[in-house]
C-alpha atoms as a PDB file:
ATOM      1  CA  MET A   1       5.741   4.559 -13.979  1.00  0.00           C
ATOM      2  CA  TYR A   2       9.011   3.561 -12.475  1.00  0.00           C
ATOM      3  CA  SER A   3      11.360   0.875 -13.709  1.00  0.00           C
ATOM      4  CA  ILE A   4      12.522  -1.895 -11.334  1.00  0.00           C
ATOM      5  CA  GLU A   5      16.120  -3.034 -11.014  1.00  0.00           C
ATOM      6  CA  LEU A   6      17.022  -6.039  -8.847  1.00  0.00           C
ATOM      7  CA  LYS A   7      20.449  -6.321  -7.277  1.00  0.00           C
ATOM      8  CA  PRO A   8      21.979  -9.834  -7.687  1.00  0.00           C
ATOM      9  CA  GLN A   9      21.701 -10.607  -3.943  1.00  0.00           C
ATOM     10  CA  ALA A  10      17.956  -9.845  -4.019  1.00  0.00           C
ATOM     11  CA  ALA A  11      17.376 -11.910  -7.155  1.00  0.00           C
ATOM     12  CA  ARG A  12      19.208 -14.870  -5.597  1.00  0.00           C
ATOM     13  CA  PHE A  13      17.115 -14.703  -2.427  1.00  0.00           C
ATOM     14  CA  ILE A  14      13.890 -14.583  -4.394  1.00  0.00           C
ATOM     15  CA  SER A  15      14.829 -17.522  -6.608  1.00  0.00           C
ATOM     16  CA  ALA A  16      15.748 -19.636  -3.628  1.00  0.00           C
ATOM     17  CA  GLN A  17      12.217 -19.349  -2.148  1.00  0.00           C
ATOM     18  CA  THR A  18       9.191 -21.519  -2.777  1.00  0.00           C
ATOM     19  CA  LYS A  19       6.871 -20.578  -5.679  1.00  0.00           C
ATOM     20  CA  LYS A  20       4.252 -19.206  -3.231  1.00  0.00           C
ATOM     21  CA  ILE A  21       6.756 -16.865  -1.592  1.00  0.00           C
ATOM     22  CA  GLN A  22       8.250 -15.872  -4.929  1.00  0.00           C
ATOM     23  CA  ARG A  23       4.800 -14.829  -6.204  1.00  0.00           C
ATOM     24  CA  GLN A  24       4.169 -12.850  -3.026  1.00  0.00           C
ATOM     25  CA  LEU A  25       7.483 -10.969  -3.222  1.00  0.00           C
ATOM     26  CA  ILE A  26       7.243 -10.319  -6.939  1.00  0.00           C
ATOM     27  CA  ALA A  27       3.729  -8.948  -6.530  1.00  0.00           C
ATOM     28  CA  HIS A  28       4.961  -6.439  -3.937  1.00  0.00           C
ATOM     29  CA  ILE A  29       7.979  -5.501  -6.026  1.00  0.00           C
ATOM     30  CA  ALA A  30       5.840  -5.011  -9.153  1.00  0.00           C
ATOM     31  CA  ALA A  31       3.490  -2.694  -7.191  1.00  0.00           C
ATOM     32  CA  LEU A  32       6.511  -0.423  -6.467  1.00  0.00           C
ATOM     33  CA  ALA A  33       6.675   0.434 -10.174  1.00  0.00           C
ATOM     34  CA  VAL A  34       3.284   2.149  -9.890  1.00  0.00           C
ATOM     35  CA  ASN A  35       3.702   3.611  -6.393  1.00  0.00           C
ATOM     36  CA  PRO A  36       7.231   3.534  -4.960  1.00  0.00           C
ATOM     37  CA  ARG A  37       6.006   4.964  -1.620  1.00  0.00           C
ATOM     38  CA  PRO A  38       2.967   2.839  -0.739  1.00  0.00           C
ATOM     39  CA  ALA A  39       1.151   2.999   2.569  1.00  0.00           C
ATOM     40  CA  GLY A  40       3.273   1.042   5.029  1.00  0.00           C
ATOM     41  CA  SER A  41       6.596   1.906   3.458  1.00  0.00           C
ATOM     42  CA  LYS A  42       9.131   3.236   5.852  1.00  0.00           C
ATOM     43  CA  LEU A  43      12.225   5.398   5.255  1.00  0.00           C
ATOM     44  CA  LEU A  44      15.223   3.839   6.942  1.00  0.00           C
ATOM     45  CA  TYR A  45      17.603   6.437   8.325  1.00  0.00           C
ATOM     46  CA  THR A  46      20.711   5.522   6.399  1.00  0.00           C
ATOM     47  CA  GLN A  47      22.973   7.532   4.119  1.00  0.00           C
ATOM     48  CA  GLU A  48      21.541   5.847   1.016  1.00  0.00           C
ATOM     49  CA  LYS A  49      17.929   6.768   1.916  1.00  0.00           C
ATOM     50  CA  LEU A  50      16.661   3.275   1.749  1.00  0.00           C
ATOM     51  CA  TYR A  51      12.989   2.380   2.072  1.00  0.00           C
ATOM     52  CA  ARG A  52      11.484  -0.828   3.289  1.00  0.00           C
ATOM     53  CA  ILE A  53       8.127  -2.581   2.774  1.00  0.00           C
ATOM     54  CA  ARG A  54       6.829  -5.624   4.538  1.00  0.00           C
ATOM     55  CA  SER A  55       5.682  -8.741   2.723  1.00  0.00           C
ATOM     56  CA  GLY A  56       4.582 -11.248   5.317  1.00  0.00           C
ATOM     57  CA  ASN A  57       7.687 -12.354   7.240  1.00  0.00           C
ATOM     58  CA  TYR A  58       9.948 -10.835   4.555  1.00  0.00           C
ATOM     59  CA  ARG A  59      11.268  -7.358   4.076  1.00  0.00           C
ATOM     60  CA  ILE A  60      12.041  -5.640   0.750  1.00  0.00           C
ATOM     61  CA  ILE A  61      14.716  -2.933   1.060  1.00  0.00           C
ATOM     62  CA  TYR A  62      14.872  -0.538  -1.815  1.00  0.00           C
ATOM     63  CA  GLN A  63      16.095   2.801  -3.057  1.00  0.00           C
ATOM     64  CA  ILE A  64      14.122   5.288  -5.127  1.00  0.00           C
ATOM     65  CA  GLN A  65      15.835   7.359  -7.826  1.00  0.00           C
ATOM     66  CA  ASP A  66      13.138   9.919  -8.743  1.00  0.00           C
ATOM     67  CA  LYS A  67      15.148  11.760 -11.377  1.00  0.00           C
ATOM     68  CA  ILE A  68      15.372   8.705 -13.627  1.00  0.00           C
ATOM     69  CA  LEU A  69      12.173   6.968 -12.391  1.00  0.00           C
ATOM     70  CA  LEU A  70      13.995   3.909 -11.065  1.00  0.00           C
ATOM     71  CA  VAL A  71      13.374   1.682  -8.068  1.00  0.00           C
ATOM     72  CA  VAL A  72      16.436  -0.397  -7.070  1.00  0.00           C
ATOM     73  CA  ILE A  73      15.704  -3.482  -5.019  1.00  0.00           C
ATOM     74  CA  VAL A  74      18.801  -3.612  -2.794  1.00  0.00           C
ATOM     75  CA  LYS A  75      17.983  -6.528  -0.487  1.00  0.00           C
ATOM     76  CA  VAL A  76      15.194  -8.981   0.203  1.00  0.00           C
ATOM     77  CA  GLY A  77      15.204 -11.211   3.281  1.00  0.00           C
ATOM     78  CA  ASP A  78      13.614 -12.651   6.293  1.00  0.00           C
ATOM     79  CA  ARG A  79      12.547 -10.059   8.889  1.00  0.00           C
ATOM     80  CA  LYS A  80      14.763 -11.556  11.611  1.00  0.00           C
ATOM     81  CA  ASP A  81      18.129 -10.892   9.905  1.00  0.00           C
ATOM     82  CA  ILE A  82      17.543  -8.453   7.004  1.00  0.00           C
ATOM     83  CA  TYR A  83      18.903  -5.464   8.915  1.00  0.00           C
ATOM     84  CA  ARG A  84      22.152  -7.052  10.238  1.00  0.00           C
ATOM     85  CA  HIS A  85      24.518  -5.879   7.428  1.00  0.00           C
ATOM     86  CA  LEU A  86      22.430  -3.169   5.960  1.00  0.00           C
ATOM     87  CA  GLY A  87      24.431  -0.150   7.091  1.00  0.00           C
ATOM     88  CA  LYS A  88      27.728  -1.615   5.966  1.00  0.00           C
END
């Protein structure tokens, strides 16, 4: 089982959402602890080897560190602007 680490930017975004959206996002993030590469996850072609999963209109961008069994949630955001500053 993997550990989950939230970057401050991701935690701020989640806490700013409604309770319904928070529950939805947290459920998807918690599922990553069991299976960090679920069906529907996609490897983004960046240097950091980031993955993304969809959660309704939101995207969860994360990195998997298999050697230490850690999933780092890098960014969470709306699908229309989540990718704008991702490669920078």
